[in-house]
PDB file of all heavy atoms in Angstrom:
ATOM      1  N   PRO A   1     108.818 116.923 108.614  1.00  0.00           N
ATOM      2  CA  PRO A   1     109.468 115.625 108.427  1.00  0.00           C
ATOM      3  C   PRO A   1     108.971 114.935 107.165  1.00  0.00           C
ATOM      4  O   PRO A   1     107.854 115.166 106.702  1.00  0.00           O
ATOM      5  CB  PRO A   1     109.080 114.848 109.692  1.00  0.00           C
ATOM      6  CG  PRO A   1     108.727 115.891 110.708  1.00  0.00           C
ATOM      7  CD  PRO A   1     108.156 117.034 109.936  1.00  0.00           C
ATOM      8  N   TRP A   2     109.832 114.046 106.649  1.00  0.00           N
ATOM      9  CA  TRP A   2     109.518 113.405 105.376  1.00  0.00           C
ATOM     10  C   TRP A   2     108.225 112.616 105.428  1.00  0.00           C
ATOM     11  O   TRP A   2     107.397 112.697 104.524  1.00  0.00           O
ATOM     12  CB  TRP A   2     110.665 112.491 104.971  1.00  0.00           C
ATOM     13  CG  TRP A   2     110.299 111.508 103.917  1.00  0.00           C
ATOM     14  CD1 TRP A   2     110.202 110.161 104.042  1.00  0.00           C
ATOM     15  CD2 TRP A   2     109.951 111.799 102.558  1.00  0.00           C
ATOM     16  NE1 TRP A   2     109.819 109.579 102.860  1.00  0.00           N
ATOM     17  CE2 TRP A   2     109.656 110.560 101.917  1.00  0.00           C
ATOM     18  CE3 TRP A   2     109.844 112.965 101.815  1.00  0.00           C
ATOM     19  CZ2 TRP A   2     109.284 110.477 100.588  1.00  0.00           C
ATOM     20  CZ3 TRP A   2     109.471 112.884 100.484  1.00  0.00           C
ATOM     21  CH2 TRP A   2     109.191 111.659  99.875  1.00  0.00           C
ATOM     22  N   ARG A   3     107.992 111.835 106.464  1.00  0.00           N
ATOM     23  CA  ARG A   3     106.787 111.008 106.514  1.00  0.00           C
ATOM     24  C   ARG A   3     105.524 111.855 106.535  1.00  0.00           C
ATOM     25  O   ARG A   3     104.538 111.543 105.851  1.00  0.00           O
ATOM     26  CB  ARG A   3     106.829 110.098 107.737  1.00  0.00           C
ATOM     27  CG  ARG A   3     107.871 108.988 107.646  1.00  0.00           C
ATOM     28  CD  ARG A   3     107.799 108.066 108.848  1.00  0.00           C
ATOM     29  NE  ARG A   3     108.771 106.977 108.743  1.00  0.00           N
ATOM     30  CZ  ARG A   3     108.914 106.014 109.636  1.00  0.00           C
ATOM     31  NH1 ARG A   3     108.129 105.997 110.715  1.00  0.00           N
ATOM     32  NH2 ARG A   3     109.826 105.076 109.472  1.00  0.00           N
ATOM     33  N   ILE A   4     105.540 112.924 107.320  1.00  0.00           N
ATOM     34  CA  ILE A   4     104.364 113.794 107.383  1.00  0.00           C
ATOM     35  C   ILE A   4     104.164 114.497 106.048  1.00  0.00           C
ATOM     36  O   ILE A   4     103.033 114.634 105.554  1.00  0.00           O
ATOM     37  CB  ILE A   4     104.527 114.800 108.536  1.00  0.00           C
ATOM     38  CG1 ILE A   4     104.505 114.054 109.876  1.00  0.00           C
ATOM     39  CG2 ILE A   4     103.428 115.860 108.496  1.00  0.00           C
ATOM     40  CD1 ILE A   4     104.675 114.941 111.079  1.00  0.00           C
ATOM     41  N   THR A   5     105.263 114.950 105.438  1.00  0.00           N
ATOM     42  CA  THR A   5     105.154 115.571 104.115  1.00  0.00           C
ATOM     43  C   THR A   5     104.588 114.589 103.094  1.00  0.00           C
ATOM     44  O   THR A   5     103.774 114.951 102.224  1.00  0.00           O
ATOM     45  CB  THR A   5     106.530 116.063 103.660  1.00  0.00           C
ATOM     46  OG1 THR A   5     107.041 117.007 104.602  1.00  0.00           O
ATOM     47  CG2 THR A   5     106.450 116.741 102.299  1.00  0.00           C
ATOM     48  N   HIS A   6     105.006 113.335 103.209  1.00  0.00           N
ATOM     49  CA  HIS A   6     104.549 112.308 102.267  1.00  0.00           C
ATOM     50  C   HIS A   6     103.031 112.125 102.332  1.00  0.00           C
ATOM     51  O   HIS A   6     102.328 112.205 101.305  1.00  0.00           O
ATOM     52  CB  HIS A   6     105.273 110.991 102.589  1.00  0.00           C
ATOM     53  CG  HIS A   6     105.092 109.943 101.534  1.00  0.00           C
ATOM     54  ND1 HIS A   6     105.582 108.674 101.659  1.00  0.00           N
ATOM     55  CD2 HIS A   6     104.438 109.972 100.338  1.00  0.00           C
ATOM     56  CE1 HIS A   6     105.262 107.971 100.589  1.00  0.00           C
ATOM     57  NE2 HIS A   6     104.565 108.734  99.769  1.00  0.00           N
ATOM     58  N   TRP A   7     102.515 111.872 103.544  1.00  0.00           N
ATOM     59  CA  TRP A   7     101.064 111.640 103.625  1.00  0.00           C
ATOM     60  C   TRP A   7     100.282 112.908 103.353  1.00  0.00           C
ATOM     61  O   TRP A   7      99.183 112.857 102.780  1.00  0.00           O
ATOM     62  CB  TRP A   7     100.675 111.021 104.956  1.00  0.00           C
ATOM     63  CG  TRP A   7     100.673 111.909 106.168  1.00  0.00           C
ATOM     64  CD1 TRP A   7     101.587 111.949 107.156  1.00  0.00           C
ATOM     65  CD2 TRP A   7      99.675 112.896 106.510  1.00  0.00           C
ATOM     66  NE1 TRP A   7     101.248 112.897 108.104  1.00  0.00           N
ATOM     67  CE2 TRP A   7     100.071 113.484 107.729  1.00  0.00           C
ATOM     68  CE3 TRP A   7      98.486 113.333 105.916  1.00  0.00           C
ATOM     69  CZ2 TRP A   7      99.346 114.482 108.360  1.00  0.00           C
ATOM     70  CZ3 TRP A   7      97.750 114.343 106.547  1.00  0.00           C
ATOM     71  CH2 TRP A   7      98.194 114.901 107.754  1.00  0.00           C
ATOM     72  N   MET A   8     100.800 114.064 103.750  1.00  0.00           N
ATOM     73  CA  MET A   8     100.104 115.325 103.490  1.00  0.00           C
ATOM     74  C   MET A   8      99.975 115.558 101.985  1.00  0.00           C
ATOM     75  O   MET A   8      98.885 115.893 101.466  1.00  0.00           O
ATOM     76  CB  MET A   8     100.873 116.483 104.138  1.00  0.00           C
ATOM     77  CG  MET A   8     100.281 117.860 103.843  1.00  0.00           C
ATOM     78  SD  MET A   8     101.438 119.192 104.272  1.00  0.00           S
ATOM     79  CE  MET A   8     102.617 119.060 102.911  1.00  0.00           C
ATOM     80  N   THR A   9     101.085 115.396 101.257  1.00  0.00           N
ATOM     81  CA  THR A   9     101.076 115.647  99.807  1.00  0.00           C
ATOM     82  C   THR A   9     100.214 114.635  99.075  1.00  0.00           C
ATOM     83  O   THR A   9      99.430 114.991  98.178  1.00  0.00           O
ATOM     84  CB  THR A   9     102.521 115.614  99.281  1.00  0.00           C
ATOM     85  OG1 THR A   9     103.334 116.522 100.033  1.00  0.00           O
ATOM     86  CG2 THR A   9     102.565 116.006  97.815  1.00  0.00           C
ATOM     87  N   ALA A  10     100.354 113.357  99.445  1.00  0.00           N
ATOM     88  CA  ALA A  10      99.554 112.328  98.774  1.00  0.00           C
ATOM     89  C   ALA A  10      98.064 112.529  99.034  1.00  0.00           C
ATOM     90  O   ALA A  10      97.234 112.437  98.106  1.00  0.00           O
ATOM     91  CB  ALA A  10     100.006 110.947  99.259  1.00  0.00           C
ATOM     92  N   THR A  11      97.706 112.830 100.283  1.00  0.00           N
ATOM     93  CA  THR A  11      96.295 113.044 100.609  1.00  0.00           C
ATOM     94  C   THR A  11      95.739 114.251  99.874  1.00  0.00           C
ATOM     95  O   THR A  11      94.622 114.217  99.316  1.00  0.00           O
ATOM     96  CB  THR A  11      96.134 113.225 102.126  1.00  0.00           C
ATOM     97  OG1 THR A  11      96.673 112.106 102.809  1.00  0.00           O
ATOM     98  CG2 THR A  11      94.670 113.413 102.493  1.00  0.00           C
ATOM     99  N   ALA A  12      96.507 115.344  99.859  1.00  0.00           N
ATOM    100  CA  ALA A  12      96.044 116.558  99.181  1.00  0.00           C
ATOM    101  C   ALA A  12      95.886 116.329  97.679  1.00  0.00           C
ATOM    102  O   ALA A  12      94.907 116.777  97.062  1.00  0.00           O
ATOM    103  CB  ALA A  12      97.026 117.695  99.450  1.00  0.00           C
ATOM    104  N   ALA A  13      96.853 115.631  97.060  1.00  0.00           N
ATOM    105  CA  ALA A  13      96.776 115.388  95.617  1.00  0.00           C
ATOM    106  C   ALA A  13      95.559 114.535  95.269  1.00  0.00           C
ATOM    107  O   ALA A  13      94.838 114.814  94.293  1.00  0.00           O
ATOM    108  CB  ALA A  13      98.058 114.709  95.138  1.00  0.00           C
ATOM    109  N   LEU A  14      95.327 113.480  96.050  1.00  0.00           N
ATOM    110  CA  LEU A  14      94.161 112.628  95.790  1.00  0.00           C
ATOM    111  C   LEU A  14      92.860 113.396  96.002  1.00  0.00           C
ATOM    112  O   LEU A  14      91.891 113.237  95.236  1.00  0.00           O
ATOM    113  CB  LEU A  14      94.213 111.398  96.699  1.00  0.00           C
ATOM    114  CG  LEU A  14      95.343 110.401  96.391  1.00  0.00           C
ATOM    115  CD1 LEU A  14      95.363 109.294  97.432  1.00  0.00           C
ATOM    116  CD2 LEU A  14      95.162 109.806  94.988  1.00  0.00           C
ATOM    117  N   ALA A  15      92.820 114.257  97.039  1.00  0.00           N
ATOM    118  CA  ALA A  15      91.612 115.044  97.296  1.00  0.00           C
ATOM    119  C   ALA A  15      91.348 116.028  96.167  1.00  0.00           C
ATOM    120  O   ALA A  15      90.209 116.171  95.693  1.00  0.00           O
ATOM    121  CB  ALA A  15      91.755 115.780  98.630  1.00  0.00           C
ATOM    122  N   VAL A  16      92.416 116.719  95.706  1.00  0.00           N
ATOM    123  CA  VAL A  16      92.248 117.666  94.603  1.00  0.00           C
ATOM    124  C   VAL A  16      91.803 116.936  93.336  1.00  0.00           C
ATOM    125  O   VAL A  16      90.918 117.407  92.591  1.00  0.00           O
ATOM    126  CB  VAL A  16      93.559 118.443  94.366  1.00  0.00           C
ATOM    127  CG1 VAL A  16      93.482 119.257  93.078  1.00  0.00           C
ATOM    128  CG2 VAL A  16      93.853 119.358  95.546  1.00  0.00           C
ATOM    129  N   ALA A  17      92.414 115.783  93.062  1.00  0.00           N
ATOM    130  CA  ALA A  17      92.030 115.012  91.871  1.00  0.00           C
ATOM    131  C   ALA A  17      90.559 114.595  91.946  1.00  0.00           C
ATOM    132  O   ALA A  17      89.818 114.690  90.957  1.00  0.00           O
ATOM    133  CB  ALA A  17      92.934 113.784  91.745  1.00  0.00           C
ATOM    134  N   ALA A  18      90.116 114.168  93.118  1.00  0.00           N
ATOM    135  CA  ALA A  18      88.716 113.763  93.270  1.00  0.00           C
ATOM    136  C   ALA A  18      87.784 114.955  93.112  1.00  0.00           C
ATOM    137  O   ALA A  18      86.717 114.850  92.464  1.00  0.00           O
ATOM    138  CB  ALA A  18      88.521 113.110  94.642  1.00  0.00           C
ATOM    139  N   ILE A  19      88.154 116.107  93.697  1.00  0.00           N
ATOM    140  CA  ILE A  19      87.295 117.299  93.590  1.00  0.00           C
ATOM    141  C   ILE A  19      87.191 117.753  92.151  1.00  0.00           C
ATOM    142  O   ILE A  19      86.103 118.088  91.638  1.00  0.00           O
ATOM    143  CB  ILE A  19      87.869 118.415  94.488  1.00  0.00           C
ATOM    144  CG1 ILE A  19      87.720 118.034  95.957  1.00  0.00           C
ATOM    145  CG2 ILE A  19      87.170 119.741  94.204  1.00  0.00           C
ATOM    146  CD1 ILE A  19      88.471 118.964  96.908  1.00  0.00           C
ATOM    147  N   VAL A  20      88.342 117.771  91.438  1.00  0.00           N
ATOM    148  CA  VAL A  20      88.339 118.233  90.045  1.00  0.00           C
ATOM    149  C   VAL A  20      87.573 117.263  89.153  1.00  0.00           C
ATOM    150  O   VAL A  20      86.792 117.671  88.274  1.00  0.00           O
ATOM    151  CB  VAL A  20      89.795 118.393  89.550  1.00  0.00           C
ATOM    152  CG1 VAL A  20      89.827 118.639  88.046  1.00  0.00           C
ATOM    153  CG2 VAL A  20      90.475 119.533  90.291  1.00  0.00           C
ATOM    154  N   ALA A  21      87.775 115.971  89.378  1.00  0.00           N
ATOM    155  CA  ALA A  21      87.135 114.982  88.505  1.00  0.00           C
ATOM    156  C   ALA A  21      85.629 114.929  88.713  1.00  0.00           C
ATOM    157  O   ALA A  21      84.856 114.779  87.752  1.00  0.00           O
ATOM    158  CB  ALA A  21      87.753 113.602  88.766  1.00  0.00           C
ATOM    159  N   THR A  22      85.164 115.065  89.938  1.00  0.00           N
ATOM    160  CA  THR A  22      83.724 114.954  90.211  1.00  0.00           C
ATOM    161  C   THR A  22      83.011 116.288  90.123  1.00  0.00           C
ATOM    162  O   THR A  22      81.779 116.320  89.954  1.00  0.00           O
ATOM    163  CB  THR A  22      83.503 114.374  91.607  1.00  0.00           C
ATOM    164  OG1 THR A  22      84.059 115.261  92.590  1.00  0.00           O
ATOM    165  CG2 THR A  22      84.164 113.001  91.725  1.00  0.00           C
ATOM    166  N   GLY A  23      83.758 117.378  90.257  1.00  0.00           N
ATOM    167  CA  GLY A  23      83.117 118.684  90.263  1.00  0.00           C
ATOM    168  C   GLY A  23      82.214 118.899  91.457  1.00  0.00           C
ATOM    169  O   GLY A  23      81.369 119.799  91.448  1.00  0.00           O
ATOM    170  N   LEU A  24      82.341 118.071  92.492  1.00  0.00           N
ATOM    171  CA  LEU A  24      81.518 118.137  93.711  1.00  0.00           C
ATOM    172  C   LEU A  24      80.031 118.018  93.384  1.00  0.00           C
ATOM    173  O   LEU A  24      79.174 118.641  94.022  1.00  0.00           O
ATOM    174  CB  LEU A  24      81.795 119.439  94.482  1.00  0.00           C
ATOM    175  CG  LEU A  24      83.221 119.591  95.045  1.00  0.00           C
ATOM    176  CD1 LEU A  24      83.348 120.921  95.775  1.00  0.00           C
ATOM    177  CD2 LEU A  24      83.569 118.433  95.967  1.00  0.00           C
ATOM    178  N   ARG A  25      79.740 117.225  92.386  1.00  0.00           N
ATOM    179  CA  ARG A  25      78.341 117.038  91.998  1.00  0.00           C
ATOM    180  C   ARG A  25      77.944 115.573  92.152  1.00  0.00           C
ATOM    181  O   ARG A  25      78.780 114.676  92.096  1.00  0.00           O
ATOM    182  CB  ARG A  25      78.122 117.484  90.546  1.00  0.00           C
ATOM    183  CG  ARG A  25      78.250 119.001  90.375  1.00  0.00           C
ATOM    184  CD  ARG A  25      78.107 119.404  88.909  1.00  0.00           C
ATOM    185  NE  ARG A  25      78.101 120.845  88.744  1.00  0.00           N
ATOM    186  CZ  ARG A  25      79.191 121.596  88.685  1.00  0.00           C
ATOM    187  NH1 ARG A  25      80.387 121.039  88.783  1.00  0.00           N
ATOM    188  NH2 ARG A  25      79.102 122.905  88.522  1.00  0.00           N
ATOM    189  N   SER A  26      76.680 115.382  92.359  1.00  0.00           N
ATOM    190  CA  SER A  26      76.153 114.020  92.476  1.00  0.00           C
ATOM    191  C   SER A  26      75.015 113.851  91.457  1.00  0.00           C
ATOM    192  O   SER A  26      74.028 114.613  91.488  1.00  0.00           O
ATOM    193  CB  SER A  26      75.629 113.766  93.888  1.00  0.00           C
ATOM    194  OG  SER A  26      75.169 112.442  94.027  1.00  0.00           O
ATOM    195  N   PRO A  27      75.098 112.931  90.565  1.00  0.00           N
ATOM    196  CA  PRO A  27      76.236 112.005  90.410  1.00  0.00           C
ATOM    197  C   PRO A  27      77.461 112.736  89.854  1.00  0.00           C
ATOM    198  O   PRO A  27      77.328 113.776  89.232  1.00  0.00           O
ATOM    199  CB  PRO A  27      75.708 110.975  89.428  1.00  0.00           C
ATOM    200  CG  PRO A  27      74.718 111.743  88.606  1.00  0.00           C
ATOM    201  CD  PRO A  27      74.050 112.690  89.546  1.00  0.00           C
ATOM    202  N   PRO A  28      78.683 112.200  90.074  1.00  0.00           N
ATOM    203  CA  PRO A  28      79.901 112.881  89.619  1.00  0.00           C
ATOM    204  C   PRO A  28      79.937 112.988  88.105  1.00  0.00           C
ATOM    205  O   PRO A  28      79.473 112.107  87.386  1.00  0.00           O
ATOM    206  CB  PRO A  28      81.025 111.976  90.148  1.00  0.00           C
ATOM    207  CG  PRO A  28      80.382 110.658  90.399  1.00  0.00           C
ATOM    208  CD  PRO A  28      78.967 110.943  90.785  1.00  0.00           C
ATOM    209  N   GLN A  29      80.512 114.101  87.642  1.00  0.00           N
ATOM    210  CA  GLN A  29      80.561 114.347  86.202  1.00  0.00           C
ATOM    211  C   GLN A  29      81.727 113.625  85.539  1.00  0.00           C
ATOM    212  O   GLN A  29      81.719 113.392  84.340  1.00  0.00           O
ATOM    213  CB  GLN A  29      80.706 115.849  85.943  1.00  0.00           C
ATOM    214  CG  GLN A  29      79.474 116.648  86.351  1.00  0.00           C
ATOM    215  CD  GLN A  29      79.661 118.125  86.045  1.00  0.00           C
ATOM    216  OE1 GLN A  29      80.768 118.590  85.830  1.00  0.00           O
ATOM    217  NE2 GLN A  29      78.553 118.846  86.007  1.00  0.00           N
ATOM    218  N   LEU A  30      82.774 113.287  86.333  1.00  0.00           N
ATOM    219  CA  LEU A  30      83.991 112.671  85.800  1.00  0.00           C
ATOM    220  C   LEU A  30      84.544 113.476  84.641  1.00  0.00           C
ATOM    221  O   LEU A  30      84.873 112.939  83.572  1.00  0.00           O
ATOM    222  CB  LEU A  30      83.714 111.226  85.377  1.00  0.00           C
ATOM    223  CG  LEU A  30      83.289 110.266  86.507  1.00  0.00           C
ATOM    224  CD1 LEU A  30      83.070 108.870  85.955  1.00  0.00           C
ATOM    225  CD2 LEU A  30      84.340 110.248  87.606  1.00  0.00           C
ATOM    226  N   ALA A  31      84.647 114.772  84.850  1.00  0.00           N
ATOM    227  CA  ALA A  31      85.226 115.668  83.849  1.00  0.00           C
ATOM    228  C   ALA A  31      86.612 116.099  84.312  1.00  0.00           C
ATOM    229  O   ALA A  31      87.047 115.809  85.426  1.00  0.00           O
ATOM    230  CB  ALA A  31      84.321 116.883  83.637  1.00  0.00           C
ATOM    231  N   ASN A  32      87.316 116.817  83.436  1.00  0.00           N
ATOM    232  CA  ASN A  32      88.657 117.357  83.753  1.00  0.00           C
ATOM    233  C   ASN A  32      89.598 116.278  84.284  1.00  0.00           C
ATOM    234  O   ASN A  32      90.363 116.485  85.219  1.00  0.00           O
ATOM    235  CB  ASN A  32      88.561 118.486  84.786  1.00  0.00           C
ATOM    236  CG  ASN A  32      87.812 119.693  84.267  1.00  0.00           C
ATOM    237  OD1 ASN A  32      87.920 120.025  83.078  1.00  0.00           O
ATOM    238  ND2 ASN A  32      87.047 120.338  85.132  1.00  0.00           N
ATOM    239  N   LEU A  33      89.518 115.102  83.667  1.00  0.00           N
ATOM    240  CA  LEU A  33      90.387 114.012  84.128  1.00  0.00           C
ATOM    241  C   LEU A  33      91.862 114.330  83.889  1.00  0.00           C
ATOM    242  O   LEU A  33      92.737 113.849  84.626  1.00  0.00           O
ATOM    243  CB  LEU A  33      90.004 112.708  83.421  1.00  0.00           C
ATOM    244  CG  LEU A  33      88.616 112.159  83.763  1.00  0.00           C
ATOM    245  CD1 LEU A  33      88.352 110.865  83.004  1.00  0.00           C
ATOM    246  CD2 LEU A  33      88.488 111.913  85.268  1.00  0.00           C
ATOM    247  N   ASP A  34      92.137 115.103  82.820  1.00  0.00           N
ATOM    248  CA  ASP A  34      93.535 115.482  82.572  1.00  0.00           C
ATOM    249  C   ASP A  34      94.085 116.330  83.715  1.00  0.00           C
ATOM    250  O   ASP A  34      95.227 116.164  84.150  1.00  0.00           O
ATOM    251  CB  ASP A  34      93.643 116.227  81.246  1.00  0.00           C
ATOM    252  CG  ASP A  34      92.703 117.433  81.190  1.00  0.00           C
ATOM    253  OD1 ASP A  34      91.752 117.475  82.009  1.00  0.00           O
ATOM    254  OD2 ASP A  34      92.917 118.314  80.346  1.00  0.00           O
TER     255      ASP A  34
END
C-alpha cells in the first residue's frame, strides 16, 4: 500500500543517508555528503 511504501522508503533513505554520512564512526566523519 502507498502509505506503507511511503514510510518504508523515507525511513530507508534517511537511514542510508545517515550511515553514509557518518560512516558509522564516533565522532561522525560527515563524509560522502553527496
